[in-house]
Amino acid sequence: MVQEKKVRATLSDVAQRAGVSAMTVSNVINGKAGVRPNTRQRVLEAIEATGYRVNAVARALAGGQSRMITVFSPQFNRPYASEVIQGAALAAEGLNYDLIVMMLSEQGFSDVSVVTRLAAGALLIQPSHVNHWQRAALPVHVVSVDGPGELQLTVDNYGGARLAMDYLLKLGHTRIGFISGLESPGRRPASHPFHPGQHDRDDADERLRGYREGMAAAGLDVPHDYVQHSDYTKPGGEQATALLLGLTRPPSAIFVSGDAMALGTIHAAQDRGLHIPRDLSVVGFDDLPIAAASRPGLTTVRQPLAQIGEVAVQILVALAEGREPAVPPPFATELIERESTAPPCSEELRQ
């Protein structure tokens, strides 16, 4: 039995099936005006029937409107990035745009392909500072998430940190430690080496500010060693937690500036024989899928990562199509209470 070879449908196949010219099909694909509604409908039905797929790169090279969005995603903190990308992908699909994801190396944008330069826009997730020559290789329209850029999408990191602190203080905790995210070499203590690819992070600074001001509002001092810096990874959270739990007077609760690190906090405490939350309460930040899946479930501050990705693509599409985008204020955060938090035990209250 001879298997029939599948041949990809061409523009001419669509035009022949719809009973129109190839130029009319091209106008429909590129969203141009001047095509009658019933003709446009026939073309769309013909595209569906023939399985015709637009070659986005060829169209852009030919000078047509690009329908590609490129996402630059960091190699670190992948759970965070994947949630943003998921929202971006859904938005791109709904708007009939193609989404291309490129992983960032520690060197940043040194390898930018022709596909990237032909994109209608770029979404940068937690990017490092971009040099002028690197920026010139990107599309005209760029939106960044928690990083430098002409258009930035952020969440209310300070407000989210205050939610976490107010919650722990209301439970009765007064010895609250904090594990922060990335910090620049100039502000990082010598005991915490700086790793390549790390950089200033406004979100980390704002969460640290929320922690400090939450403690100050409750009339509590912050011992120097109660603030540890890490790198948004589970191993980093374990190392920072070991330092906090090794103190002469360790905290009864730890607010962690990222869910992956908070998972490391839980594991480090359990490895020491501590019970969560009887011996130690833990609050994270992000509400990644691992927060609900951890045991015990992680109390955390939710930021709408998928929604951020969705809005970023909507903004880029609006810019590419010559419309004024609606850029929202910082996204609100929400405290999600699970099983990793409880009031401090009576013995801790007497200390």
C-alpha atoms as a PDB file:
ATOM      1  CA  MET A   1       0.000   0.000   0.000  1.00  0.00           C
ATOM      2  CA  VAL A   2       1.483   3.329  -1.065  1.00  0.00           C
ATOM      3  CA  GLN A   3       1.028   6.092   1.493  1.00  0.00           C
ATOM      4  CA  GLU A   4      -0.066   9.379  -0.009  1.00  0.00           C
ATOM      5  CA  LYS A   5       2.483  12.154   0.520  1.00  0.00           C
ATOM      6  CA  LYS A   6       1.073  15.167   2.381  1.00  0.00           C
ATOM      7  CA  VAL A   7       1.628  18.380   0.465  1.00  0.00           C
ATOM      8  CA  ARG A   8       1.389  21.660   2.315  1.00  0.00           C
ATOM      9  CA  ALA A   9      -1.398  23.906   1.057  1.00  0.00           C
ATOM     10  CA  THR A  10      -0.320  27.023  -0.813  1.00  0.00           C
ATOM     11  CA  LEU A  11      -1.818  30.484  -1.153  1.00  0.00           C
ATOM     12  CA  SER A  12      -3.055  29.484  -4.602  1.00  0.00           C
ATOM     13  CA  ASP A  13      -4.881  26.465  -3.146  1.00  0.00           C
ATOM     14  CA  VAL A  14      -6.754  28.739  -0.751  1.00  0.00           C
ATOM     15  CA  ALA A  15      -7.568  31.242  -3.514  1.00  0.00           C
ATOM     16  CA  GLN A  16      -8.865  28.500  -5.817  1.00  0.00           C
ATOM     17  CA  ARG A  17     -11.082  26.986  -3.124  1.00  0.00           C
ATOM     18  CA  ALA A  18     -12.498  30.386  -2.104  1.00  0.00           C
ATOM     19  CA  GLY A  19     -12.964  31.505  -5.705  1.00  0.00           C
ATOM     20  CA  VAL A  20     -10.916  34.678  -5.249  1.00  0.00           C
ATOM     21  CA  SER A  21      -7.510  36.001  -6.247  1.00  0.00           C
ATOM     22  CA  ALA A  22      -4.325  35.266  -4.314  1.00  0.00           C
ATOM     23  CA  MET A  23      -4.091  39.002  -3.573  1.00  0.00           C
ATOM     24  CA  THR A  24      -7.485  38.870  -1.838  1.00  0.00           C
ATOM     25  CA  VAL A  25      -6.318  35.941   0.290  1.00  0.00           C
ATOM     26  CA  SER A  26      -3.167  37.891   1.197  1.00  0.00           C
ATOM     27  CA  ASN A  27      -5.256  40.921   2.176  1.00  0.00           C
ATOM     28  CA  VAL A  28      -7.413  38.782   4.472  1.00  0.00           C
ATOM     29  CA  ILE A  29      -4.384  37.150   6.104  1.00  0.00           C
ATOM     30  CA  ASN A  30      -2.770  40.529   6.755  1.00  0.00           C
ATOM     31  CA  GLY A  31      -5.991  42.047   8.089  1.00  0.00           C
ATOM     32  CA  LYS A  32      -6.230  44.740   5.420  1.00  0.00           C
ATOM     33  CA  ALA A  33      -9.397  46.708   4.802  1.00  0.00           C
ATOM     34  CA  GLY A  34     -11.392  46.682   1.581  1.00  0.00           C
ATOM     35  CA  VAL A  35     -12.472  43.023   1.631  1.00  0.00           C
ATOM     36  CA  ARG A  36     -16.203  42.355   1.738  1.00  0.00           C
ATOM     37  CA  PRO A  37     -17.389  40.445   4.839  1.00  0.00           C
ATOM     38  CA  ASN A  38     -18.794  37.508   2.860  1.00  0.00           C
ATOM     39  CA  THR A  39     -15.574  37.277   0.818  1.00  0.00           C
ATOM     40  CA  ARG A  40     -13.466  37.395   3.994  1.00  0.00           C
ATOM     41  CA  GLN A  41     -15.591  34.603   5.455  1.00  0.00           C
ATOM     42  CA  ARG A  42     -15.105  32.421   2.344  1.00  0.00           C
ATOM     43  CA  VAL A  43     -11.342  32.929   2.549  1.00  0.00           C
ATOM     44  CA  LEU A  44     -11.249  32.041   6.250  1.00  0.00           C
ATOM     45  CA  GLU A  45     -13.269  28.888   5.595  1.00  0.00           C
ATOM     46  CA  ALA A  46     -10.931  27.968   2.730  1.00  0.00           C
ATOM     47  CA  ILE A  47      -7.903  28.447   4.987  1.00  0.00           C
ATOM     48  CA  GLU A  48      -9.487  26.132   7.561  1.00  0.00           C
ATOM     49  CA  ALA A  49     -10.452  23.533   4.963  1.00  0.00           C
ATOM     50  CA  THR A  50      -7.045  23.407   3.258  1.00  0.00           C
ATOM     51  CA  GLY A  51      -4.998  23.577   6.475  1.00  0.00           C
ATOM     52  CA  TYR A  52      -3.025  26.500   5.072  1.00  0.00           C
ATOM     53  CA  ARG A  53      -0.430  27.883   7.483  1.00  0.00           C
ATOM     54  CA  VAL A  54       1.153  31.299   7.136  1.00  0.00           C
ATOM     55  CA  ASN A  55       4.946  31.394   7.081  1.00  0.00           C
ATOM     56  CA  ALA A  56       5.451  34.255   9.522  1.00  0.00           C
ATOM     57  CA  VAL A  57       9.164  34.670   8.770  1.00  0.00           C
ATOM     58  CA  ALA A  58       8.638  34.758   5.007  1.00  0.00           C
ATOM     59  CA  ARG A  59       5.872  37.308   5.383  1.00  0.00           C
ATOM     60  CA  ALA A  60       8.049  39.568   7.542  1.00  0.00           C
ATOM     61  CA  LEU A  61      10.981  39.261   5.124  1.00  0.00           C
ATOM     62  CA  ALA A  62       8.653  40.247   2.292  1.00  0.00           C
ATOM     63  CA  GLY A  63       7.800  43.463   4.109  1.00  0.00           C
ATOM     64  CA  GLY A  64       4.438  42.357   5.403  1.00  0.00           C
ATOM     65  CA  GLN A  65       3.125  42.921   8.899  1.00  0.00           C
ATOM     66  CA  SER A  66       4.918  40.642  11.345  1.00  0.00           C
ATOM     67  CA  ARG A  67       2.700  38.555  13.598  1.00  0.00           C
ATOM     68  CA  MET A  68       5.484  37.262  15.813  1.00  0.00           C
ATOM     69  CA  ILE A  69       6.194  38.116  19.442  1.00  0.00           C
ATOM     70  CA  THR A  70       9.546  37.086  20.913  1.00  0.00           C
ATOM     71  CA  VAL A  71       9.887  36.320  24.620  1.00  0.00           C
ATOM     72  CA  PHE A  72      13.293  36.488  26.273  1.00  0.00           C
ATOM     73  CA  SER A  73      13.226  34.263  29.350  1.00  0.00           C
ATOM     74  CA  PRO A  74      15.956  33.951  31.989  1.00  0.00           C
ATOM     75  CA  GLN A  75      17.669  30.637  32.613  1.00  0.00           C
ATOM     76  CA  PHE A  76      17.231  31.113  36.351  1.00  0.00           C
ATOM     77  CA  ASN A  77      13.904  31.175  38.186  1.00  0.00           C
ATOM     78  CA  ARG A  78      12.161  29.134  35.497  1.00  0.00           C
ATOM     79  CA  PRO A  79       8.915  28.439  37.393  1.00  0.00           C
ATOM     80  CA  TYR A  80       8.271  32.198  37.575  1.00  0.00           C
ATOM     81  CA  ALA A  81       9.051  32.688  33.891  1.00  0.00           C
ATOM     82  CA  SER A  82       6.957  29.713  32.766  1.00  0.00           C
ATOM     83  CA  GLU A  83       3.849  31.186  34.424  1.00  0.00           C
ATOM     84  CA  VAL A  84       4.361  34.497  32.586  1.00  0.00           C
ATOM     85  CA  ILE A  85       4.982  32.676  29.306  1.00  0.00           C
ATOM     86  CA  GLN A  86       1.818  30.615  29.720  1.00  0.00           C
ATOM     87  CA  GLY A  87      -0.285  33.769  29.926  1.00  0.00           C
ATOM     88  CA  ALA A  88       1.587  35.306  26.999  1.00  0.00           C
ATOM     89  CA  ALA A  89       1.023  32.208  24.868  1.00  0.00           C
ATOM     90  CA  LEU A  90      -2.725  32.196  25.493  1.00  0.00           C
ATOM     91  CA  ALA A  91      -2.988  35.885  24.608  1.00  0.00           C
ATOM     92  CA  ALA A  92      -0.897  35.463  21.452  1.00  0.00           C
ATOM     93  CA  GLU A  93      -3.032  32.543  20.299  1.00  0.00           C
ATOM     94  CA  GLY A  94      -6.219  34.522  20.841  1.00  0.00           C
ATOM     95  CA  LEU A  95      -4.838  37.446  18.833  1.00  0.00           C
ATOM     96  CA  ASN A  96      -3.536  35.194  16.029  1.00  0.00           C
ATOM     97  CA  TYR A  97       0.134  35.939  16.745  1.00  0.00           C
ATOM     98  CA  ASP A  98       3.026  33.484  16.952  1.00  0.00           C
ATOM     99  CA  LEU A  99       5.068  33.358  20.161  1.00  0.00           C
ATOM    100  CA  ILE A 100       8.777  32.539  20.063  1.00  0.00           C
ATOM    101  CA  VAL A 101      10.599  31.891  23.349  1.00  0.00           C
ATOM    102  CA  MET A 102      14.367  32.434  23.594  1.00  0.00           C
ATOM    103  CA  MET A 103      16.346  31.566  26.717  1.00  0.00           C
ATOM    104  CA  LEU A 104      18.742  34.204  28.020  1.00  0.00           C
ATOM    105  CA  SER A 105      22.321  33.327  28.786  1.00  0.00           C
ATOM    106  CA  GLU A 106      24.367  35.177  31.394  1.00  0.00           C
ATOM    107  CA  GLN A 107      25.724  37.317  28.535  1.00  0.00           C
ATOM    108  CA  GLY A 108      22.217  38.570  27.746  1.00  0.00           C
ATOM    109  CA  PHE A 109      21.289  39.373  24.148  1.00  0.00           C
ATOM    110  CA  SER A 110      24.560  38.561  22.397  1.00  0.00           C
ATOM    111  CA  ASP A 111      22.899  35.972  20.137  1.00  0.00           C
ATOM    112  CA  VAL A 112      19.852  37.552  18.496  1.00  0.00           C
ATOM    113  CA  SER A 113      18.534  35.726  15.451  1.00  0.00           C
ATOM    114  CA  VAL A 114      16.940  37.192  12.346  1.00  0.00           C
ATOM    115  CA  VAL A 115      13.604  35.844  13.577  1.00  0.00           C
ATOM    116  CA  THR A 116      13.899  38.046  16.663  1.00  0.00           C
ATOM    117  CA  ARG A 117      14.703  41.162  14.675  1.00  0.00           C
ATOM    118  CA  LEU A 118      11.680  40.556  12.458  1.00  0.00           C
ATOM    119  CA  ALA A 119       9.283  40.194  15.380  1.00  0.00           C
ATOM    120  CA  ALA A 120       6.536  42.728  15.958  1.00  0.00           C
ATOM    121  CA  GLY A 121       7.630  43.084  19.581  1.00  0.00           C
ATOM    122  CA  ALA A 122       9.599  41.528  22.409  1.00  0.00           C
ATOM    123  CA  LEU A 123       8.705  40.598  25.977  1.00  0.00           C
ATOM    124  CA  LEU A 124      11.664  40.609  28.376  1.00  0.00           C
ATOM    125  CA  ILE A 125      11.191  38.627  31.595  1.00  0.00           C
ATOM    126  CA  GLN A 126      13.470  39.866  34.377  1.00  0.00           C
ATOM    127  CA  PRO A 127      16.174  41.093  31.963  1.00  0.00           C
ATOM    128  CA  SER A 128      19.630  42.320  32.840  1.00  0.00           C
ATOM    129  CA  HIS A 129      20.527  45.862  31.852  1.00  0.00           C
ATOM    130  CA  VAL A 130      20.680  46.028  28.057  1.00  0.00           C
ATOM    131  CA  ASN A 131      23.528  47.729  26.212  1.00  0.00           C
ATOM    132  CA  HIS A 132      22.717  50.144  23.391  1.00  0.00           C
ATOM    133  CA  TRP A 133      23.999  47.810  20.702  1.00  0.00           C
ATOM    134  CA  GLN A 134      21.985  44.938  22.158  1.00  0.00           C
ATOM    135  CA  ARG A 135      18.850  47.082  22.331  1.00  0.00           C
ATOM    136  CA  ALA A 136      19.284  48.038  18.673  1.00  0.00           C
ATOM    137  CA  ALA A 137      18.992  44.364  17.681  1.00  0.00           C
ATOM    138  CA  LEU A 138      15.581  44.016  19.351  1.00  0.00           C
ATOM    139  CA  PRO A 139      12.223  44.877  17.806  1.00  0.00           C
ATOM    140  CA  VAL A 140      10.992  48.464  18.021  1.00  0.00           C
ATOM    141  CA  HIS A 141       8.412  47.621  20.682  1.00  0.00           C
ATOM    142  CA  VAL A 142       9.629  46.107  23.967  1.00  0.00           C
ATOM    143  CA  VAL A 143       7.807  45.365  27.219  1.00  0.00           C
ATOM    144  CA  SER A 144       9.717  44.182  30.275  1.00  0.00           C
ATOM    145  CA  VAL A 145       8.546  42.372  33.397  1.00  0.00           C
ATOM    146  CA  ASP A 146      10.459  43.312  36.564  1.00  0.00           C
ATOM    147  CA  GLY A 147      13.337  44.865  34.673  1.00  0.00           C
ATOM    148  CA  PRO A 148      14.546  47.863  32.664  1.00  0.00           C
ATOM    149  CA  GLY A 149      12.600  48.906  29.583  1.00  0.00           C
ATOM    150  CA  GLU A 150      10.540  51.664  28.049  1.00  0.00           C
ATOM    151  CA  LEU A 151       7.353  49.891  29.137  1.00  0.00           C
ATOM    152  CA  GLN A 152       7.482  47.952  32.401  1.00  0.00           C
ATOM    153  CA  LEU A 153       4.884  45.690  33.966  1.00  0.00           C
ATOM    154  CA  THR A 154       5.256  45.185  37.698  1.00  0.00           C
ATOM    155  CA  VAL A 155       3.292  44.044  40.709  1.00  0.00           C
ATOM    156  CA  ASP A 156       2.821  45.833  44.024  1.00  0.00           C
ATOM    157  CA  ASN A 157       5.836  44.155  45.618  1.00  0.00           C
ATOM    158  CA  TYR A 158       5.884  46.493  48.600  1.00  0.00           C
ATOM    159  CA  GLY A 159       2.164  46.002  49.247  1.00  0.00           C
ATOM    160  CA  GLY A 160       2.545  42.233  48.939  1.00  0.00           C
ATOM    161  CA  ALA A 161       5.366  42.240  51.478  1.00  0.00           C
ATOM    162  CA  ARG A 162       3.255  44.268  53.899  1.00  0.00           C
ATOM    163  CA  LEU A 163       0.425  41.738  53.482  1.00  0.00           C
ATOM    164  CA  ALA A 164       2.804  38.945  54.514  1.00  0.00           C
ATOM    165  CA  MET A 165       4.229  40.899  57.433  1.00  0.00           C
ATOM    166  CA  ASP A 166       0.865  42.065  58.753  1.00  0.00           C
ATOM    167  CA  TYR A 167      -0.347  38.474  58.631  1.00  0.00           C
ATOM    168  CA  LEU A 168       2.628  37.077  60.578  1.00  0.00           C
ATOM    169  CA  LEU A 169       2.450  39.884  63.124  1.00  0.00           C
ATOM    170  CA  LYS A 170      -1.272  39.292  63.604  1.00  0.00           C
ATOM    171  CA  LEU A 171      -0.503  35.631  64.322  1.00  0.00           C
ATOM    172  CA  GLY A 172       1.696  36.842  67.181  1.00  0.00           C
ATOM    173  CA  HIS A 173       5.187  36.475  65.689  1.00  0.00           C
ATOM    174  CA  THR A 174       7.772  39.041  66.736  1.00  0.00           C
ATOM    175  CA  ARG A 175      10.963  37.219  65.680  1.00  0.00           C
ATOM    176  CA  ILE A 176      10.519  37.276  61.907  1.00  0.00           C
ATOM    177  CA  GLY A 177      13.419  36.608  59.563  1.00  0.00           C
ATOM    178  CA  PHE A 178      13.567  37.577  55.905  1.00  0.00           C
ATOM    179  CA  ILE A 179      15.222  35.962  52.888  1.00  0.00           C
ATOM    180  CA  SER A 180      15.609  38.488  50.079  1.00  0.00           C
ATOM    181  CA  GLY A 181      16.248  37.997  46.383  1.00  0.00           C
ATOM    182  CA  LEU A 182      19.074  39.180  44.144  1.00  0.00           C
ATOM    183  CA  GLU A 183      21.203  42.102  45.252  1.00  0.00           C
ATOM    184  CA  SER A 184      23.916  44.087  43.525  1.00  0.00           C
ATOM    185  CA  PRO A 185      27.608  43.490  44.439  1.00  0.00           C
ATOM    186  CA  GLY A 186      27.925  46.959  45.979  1.00  0.00           C
ATOM    187  CA  ARG A 187      25.178  46.277  48.514  1.00  0.00           C
ATOM    188  CA  ARG A 188      25.832  42.572  49.058  1.00  0.00           C
ATOM    189  CA  PRO A 189      27.749  41.668  52.260  1.00  0.00           C
ATOM    190  CA  ALA A 190      31.113  40.001  51.718  1.00  0.00           C
ATOM    191  CA  SER A 191      29.732  36.810  53.271  1.00  0.00           C
ATOM    192  CA  HIS A 192      27.302  36.498  50.340  1.00  0.00           C
ATOM    193  CA  PRO A 193      29.258  36.257  47.074  1.00  0.00           C
ATOM    194  CA  PHE A 194      27.781  37.718  43.918  1.00  0.00           C
ATOM    195  CA  HIS A 195      27.209  35.340  41.019  1.00  0.00           C
ATOM    196  CA  PRO A 196      27.356  36.224  37.308  1.00  0.00           C
ATOM    197  CA  GLY A 197      24.025  37.180  35.820  1.00  0.00           C
ATOM    198  CA  GLN A 198      22.668  38.698  39.041  1.00  0.00           C
ATOM    199  CA  HIS A 199      21.725  42.352  39.039  1.00  0.00           C
ATOM    200  CA  ASP A 200      19.738  45.024  40.797  1.00  0.00           C
ATOM    201  CA  ARG A 201      16.113  44.003  41.213  1.00  0.00           C
ATOM    202  CA  ASP A 202      13.413  46.522  42.068  1.00  0.00           C
ATOM    203  CA  ASP A 203      11.102  43.715  43.175  1.00  0.00           C
ATOM    204  CA  ALA A 204      13.668  42.445  45.701  1.00  0.00           C
ATOM    205  CA  ASP A 205      14.250  45.968  47.040  1.00  0.00           C
ATOM    206  CA  GLU A 206      10.525  46.624  47.408  1.00  0.00           C
ATOM    207  CA  ARG A 207       9.885  43.358  49.265  1.00  0.00           C
ATOM    208  CA  LEU A 208      12.773  44.072  51.602  1.00  0.00           C
ATOM    209  CA  ARG A 209      11.376  47.555  52.230  1.00  0.00           C
ATOM    210  CA  GLY A 210       7.969  46.076  52.991  1.00  0.00           C
ATOM    211  CA  TYR A 211       9.547  43.687  55.496  1.00  0.00           C
ATOM    212  CA  ARG A 212      11.537  46.384  57.273  1.00  0.00           C
ATOM    213  CA  GLU A 213       8.668  48.856  57.416  1.00  0.00           C
ATOM    214  CA  GLY A 214       6.293  46.145  58.610  1.00  0.00           C
ATOM    215  CA  MET A 215       8.625  45.400  61.510  1.00  0.00           C
ATOM    216  CA  ALA A 216       9.086  49.108  62.253  1.00  0.00           C
ATOM    217  CA  ALA A 217       5.330  49.719  62.240  1.00  0.00           C
ATOM    218  CA  ALA A 218       4.998  47.028  64.920  1.00  0.00           C
ATOM    219  CA  GLY A 219       7.727  48.674  67.011  1.00  0.00           C
ATOM    220  CA  LEU A 220      10.161  45.800  66.406  1.00  0.00           C
ATOM    221  CA  ASP A 221      13.874  46.017  65.705  1.00  0.00           C
ATOM    222  CA  VAL A 222      15.431  43.933  62.940  1.00  0.00           C
ATOM    223  CA  PRO A 223      18.595  42.131  64.074  1.00  0.00           C
ATOM    224  CA  HIS A 224      21.263  42.378  61.390  1.00  0.00           C
ATOM    225  CA  ASP A 225      21.443  38.611  60.849  1.00  0.00           C
ATOM    226  CA  TYR A 226      17.663  38.314  60.441  1.00  0.00           C
ATOM    227  CA  VAL A 227      17.977  39.487  56.814  1.00  0.00           C
ATOM    228  CA  GLN A 228      19.653  37.015  54.459  1.00  0.00           C
ATOM    229  CA  HIS A 229      20.134  37.328  50.686  1.00  0.00           C
ATOM    230  CA  SER A 230      19.738  34.509  48.193  1.00  0.00           C
ATOM    231  CA  ASP A 231      19.114  33.835  44.496  1.00  0.00           C
ATOM    232  CA  TYR A 232      15.460  32.738  44.078  1.00  0.00           C
ATOM    233  CA  THR A 233      16.407  29.035  43.962  1.00  0.00           C
ATOM    234  CA  LYS A 234      15.552  26.162  46.329  1.00  0.00           C
ATOM    235  CA  PRO A 235      19.232  25.480  47.225  1.00  0.00           C
ATOM    236  CA  GLY A 236      19.697  29.182  47.868  1.00  0.00           C
ATOM    237  CA  GLY A 237      16.713  29.146  50.213  1.00  0.00           C
ATOM    238  CA  GLU A 238      18.142  26.162  52.066  1.00  0.00           C
ATOM    239  CA  GLN A 239      21.487  27.902  52.592  1.00  0.00           C
ATOM    240  CA  ALA A 240      19.922  31.161  53.777  1.00  0.00           C
ATOM    241  CA  THR A 241      17.575  29.276  56.117  1.00  0.00           C
ATOM    242  CA  ALA A 242      20.477  27.352  57.643  1.00  0.00           C
ATOM    243  CA  LEU A 243      22.075  30.684  58.582  1.00  0.00           C
ATOM    244  CA  LEU A 244      18.845  31.946  60.173  1.00  0.00           C
ATOM    245  CA  LEU A 245      18.171  28.747  62.106  1.00  0.00           C
ATOM    246  CA  GLY A 246      21.773  28.621  63.287  1.00  0.00           C
ATOM    247  CA  LEU A 247      21.451  31.912  65.165  1.00  0.00           C
ATOM    248  CA  THR A 248      21.523  31.942  68.966  1.00  0.00           C
ATOM    249  CA  ARG A 249      17.965  33.280  68.925  1.00  0.00           C
ATOM    250  CA  PRO A 250      16.476  32.049  65.627  1.00  0.00           C
ATOM    251  CA  PRO A 251      13.263  33.483  64.195  1.00  0.00           C
ATOM    252  CA  SER A 252       9.905  31.816  64.815  1.00  0.00           C
ATOM    253  CA  ALA A 253       8.764  32.813  61.320  1.00  0.00           C
ATOM    254  CA  ILE A 254      10.513  33.475  58.012  1.00  0.00           C
ATOM    255  CA  PHE A 255       9.130  35.583  55.162  1.00  0.00           C
ATOM    256  CA  VAL A 256      10.801  34.398  51.951  1.00  0.00           C
ATOM    257  CA  SER A 257      10.893  36.568  48.829  1.00  0.00           C
ATOM    258  CA  GLY A 258      10.130  33.717  46.417  1.00  0.00           C
ATOM    259  CA  ASP A 259       8.319  30.371  46.495  1.00  0.00           C
ATOM    260  CA  ALA A 260      11.261  28.299  45.245  1.00  0.00           C
ATOM    261  CA  MET A 261      13.415  29.647  48.081  1.00  0.00           C
ATOM    262  CA  ALA A 262      10.529  29.110  50.535  1.00  0.00           C
ATOM    263  CA  LEU A 263      10.413  25.450  49.555  1.00  0.00           C
ATOM    264  CA  GLY A 264      14.098  25.305  50.426  1.00  0.00           C
ATOM    265  CA  THR A 265      13.279  26.926  53.781  1.00  0.00           C
ATOM    266  CA  ILE A 266      10.700  24.242  54.566  1.00  0.00           C
ATOM    267  CA  HIS A 267      13.084  21.430  53.643  1.00  0.00           C
ATOM    268  CA  ALA A 268      15.990  22.939  55.596  1.00  0.00           C
ATOM    269  CA  ALA A 269      13.814  23.247  58.697  1.00  0.00           C
ATOM    270  CA  GLN A 270      12.476  19.700  58.334  1.00  0.00           C
ATOM    271  CA  ASP A 271      16.024  18.379  57.920  1.00  0.00           C
ATOM    272  CA  ARG A 272      16.760  19.872  61.353  1.00  0.00           C
ATOM    273  CA  GLY A 273      13.806  18.028  62.833  1.00  0.00           C
ATOM    274  CA  LEU A 274      11.572  21.106  63.036  1.00  0.00           C
ATOM    275  CA  HIS A 275       7.847  20.884  62.425  1.00  0.00           C
ATOM    276  CA  ILE A 276       6.183  23.319  60.032  1.00  0.00           C
ATOM    277  CA  PRO A 277       4.292  25.348  61.253  1.00  0.00           C
ATOM    278  CA  ARG A 278       4.471  24.382  64.960  1.00  0.00           C
ATOM    279  CA  ASP A 279       8.178  25.224  65.259  1.00  0.00           C
ATOM    280  CA  LEU A 280       8.541  27.599  62.314  1.00  0.00           C
ATOM    281  CA  SER A 281       6.054  29.504  60.145  1.00  0.00           C
ATOM    282  CA  VAL A 282       6.986  30.135  56.498  1.00  0.00           C
ATOM    283  CA  VAL A 283       5.481  32.609  54.014  1.00  0.00           C
ATOM    284  CA  GLY A 284       6.560  32.761  50.363  1.00  0.00           C
ATOM    285  CA  PHE A 285       5.959  35.104  47.435  1.00  0.00           C
ATOM    286  CA  ASP A 286       4.647  34.277  43.908  1.00  0.00           C
ATOM    287  CA  ASP A 287       2.095  31.473  44.412  1.00  0.00           C
ATOM    288  CA  LEU A 288       3.756  29.181  41.896  1.00  0.00           C
ATOM    289  CA  PRO A 289       2.218  25.692  41.441  1.00  0.00           C
ATOM    290  CA  ILE A 290       4.801  24.312  43.889  1.00  0.00           C
ATOM    291  CA  ALA A 291       3.249  26.388  46.685  1.00  0.00           C
ATOM    292  CA  ALA A 292       0.016  24.395  46.726  1.00  0.00           C
ATOM    293  CA  ALA A 293       1.850  21.123  46.029  1.00  0.00           C
ATOM    294  CA  SER A 294       4.337  21.428  48.900  1.00  0.00           C
ATOM    295  CA  ARG A 295       3.798  19.610  52.194  1.00  0.00           C
ATOM    296  CA  PRO A 296       2.665  21.431  54.157  1.00  0.00           C
ATOM    297  CA  GLY A 297       1.000  23.756  51.677  1.00  0.00           C
ATOM    298  CA  LEU A 298       2.850  27.065  51.488  1.00  0.00           C
ATOM    299  CA  THR A 299       1.205  30.276  52.633  1.00  0.00           C
ATOM    300  CA  THR A 300       2.311  32.835  50.076  1.00  0.00           C
ATOM    301  CA  VAL A 301       1.676  36.166  48.393  1.00  0.00           C
ATOM    302  CA  ARG A 302       0.089  35.627  44.993  1.00  0.00           C
ATOM    303  CA  GLN A 303       1.072  37.767  42.044  1.00  0.00           C
ATOM    304  CA  PRO A 304      -0.904  37.288  38.796  1.00  0.00           C
ATOM    305  CA  LEU A 305       1.973  36.056  36.643  1.00  0.00           C
ATOM    306  CA  ALA A 306      -0.134  34.605  33.822  1.00  0.00           C
ATOM    307  CA  GLN A 307      -2.174  37.804  33.645  1.00  0.00           C
ATOM    308  CA  ILE A 308       1.029  39.836  33.406  1.00  0.00           C
ATOM    309  CA  GLY A 309       2.132  37.779  30.389  1.00  0.00           C
ATOM    310  CA  GLU A 310      -1.287  38.179  28.811  1.00  0.00           C
ATOM    311  CA  VAL A 311      -1.324  41.958  29.249  1.00  0.00           C
ATOM    312  CA  ALA A 312       2.251  42.253  27.951  1.00  0.00           C
ATOM    313  CA  VAL A 313       1.294  40.589  24.673  1.00  0.00           C
ATOM    314  CA  GLN A 314      -1.844  42.728  24.372  1.00  0.00           C
ATOM    315  CA  ILE A 315       0.299  45.857  24.745  1.00  0.00           C
ATOM    316  CA  LEU A 316       2.838  44.671  22.156  1.00  0.00           C
ATOM    317  CA  VAL A 317       0.117  43.807  19.645  1.00  0.00           C
ATOM    318  CA  ALA A 318      -1.537  47.194  20.131  1.00  0.00           C
ATOM    319  CA  LEU A 319       1.787  48.964  19.524  1.00  0.00           C
ATOM    320  CA  ALA A 320       2.538  46.820  16.459  1.00  0.00           C
ATOM    321  CA  GLU A 321      -0.864  47.637  14.992  1.00  0.00           C
ATOM    322  CA  GLY A 322      -0.539  51.372  15.610  1.00  0.00           C
ATOM    323  CA  ARG A 323      -2.938  51.607  18.549  1.00  0.00           C
ATOM    324  CA  GLU A 324      -2.396  53.276  21.919  1.00  0.00           C
ATOM    325  CA  PRO A 325      -1.955  50.505  24.502  1.00  0.00           C
ATOM    326  CA  ALA A 326      -3.586  50.496  27.911  1.00  0.00           C
ATOM    327  CA  VAL A 327      -0.670  50.161  30.355  1.00  0.00           C
ATOM    328  CA  PRO A 328      -1.977  49.181  33.801  1.00  0.00           C
ATOM    329  CA  PRO A 329      -0.642  50.323  37.181  1.00  0.00           C
ATOM    330  CA  PRO A 330       1.257  47.748  39.272  1.00  0.00           C
ATOM    331  CA  PHE A 331      -0.775  44.558  39.613  1.00  0.00           C
ATOM    332  CA  ALA A 332      -2.342  43.907  43.008  1.00  0.00           C
ATOM    333  CA  THR A 333      -1.138  41.031  45.176  1.00  0.00           C
ATOM    334  CA  GLU A 334      -3.122  38.692  47.410  1.00  0.00           C
ATOM    335  CA  LEU A 335      -2.233  36.658  50.489  1.00  0.00           C
ATOM    336  CA  ILE A 336      -3.017  32.943  50.072  1.00  0.00           C
ATOM    337  CA  GLU A 337      -3.214  31.207  53.457  1.00  0.00           C
ATOM    338  CA  ARG A 338      -2.234  27.532  53.604  1.00  0.00           C
ATOM    339  CA  GLU A 339      -0.769  25.170  56.221  1.00  0.00           C
ATOM    340  CA  SER A 340       2.793  26.515  56.615  1.00  0.00           C
ATOM    341  CA  THR A 341       1.826  29.226  59.112  1.00  0.00           C
ATOM    342  CA  ALA A 342       0.454  29.244  62.675  1.00  0.00           C
ATOM    343  CA  PRO A 343       0.797  31.309  65.854  1.00  0.00           C
ATOM    344  CA  PRO A 344       4.126  30.844  67.672  1.00  0.00           C
ATOM    345  CA  CYS A 345       4.155  28.179  70.339  1.00  0.00           C
ATOM    346  CA  SER A 346       3.900  29.266  73.978  1.00  0.00           C
ATOM    347  CA  GLU A 347       7.557  28.440  74.681  1.00  0.00           C
ATOM    348  CA  GLU A 348       8.649  30.847  71.951  1.00  0.00           C
ATOM    349  CA  LEU A 349       6.434  33.590  73.386  1.00  0.00           C
ATOM    350  CA  ARG A 350       8.219  33.338  76.753  1.00  0.00           C
ATOM    351  CA  GLN A 351      11.673  33.746  75.217  1.00  0.00           C
END
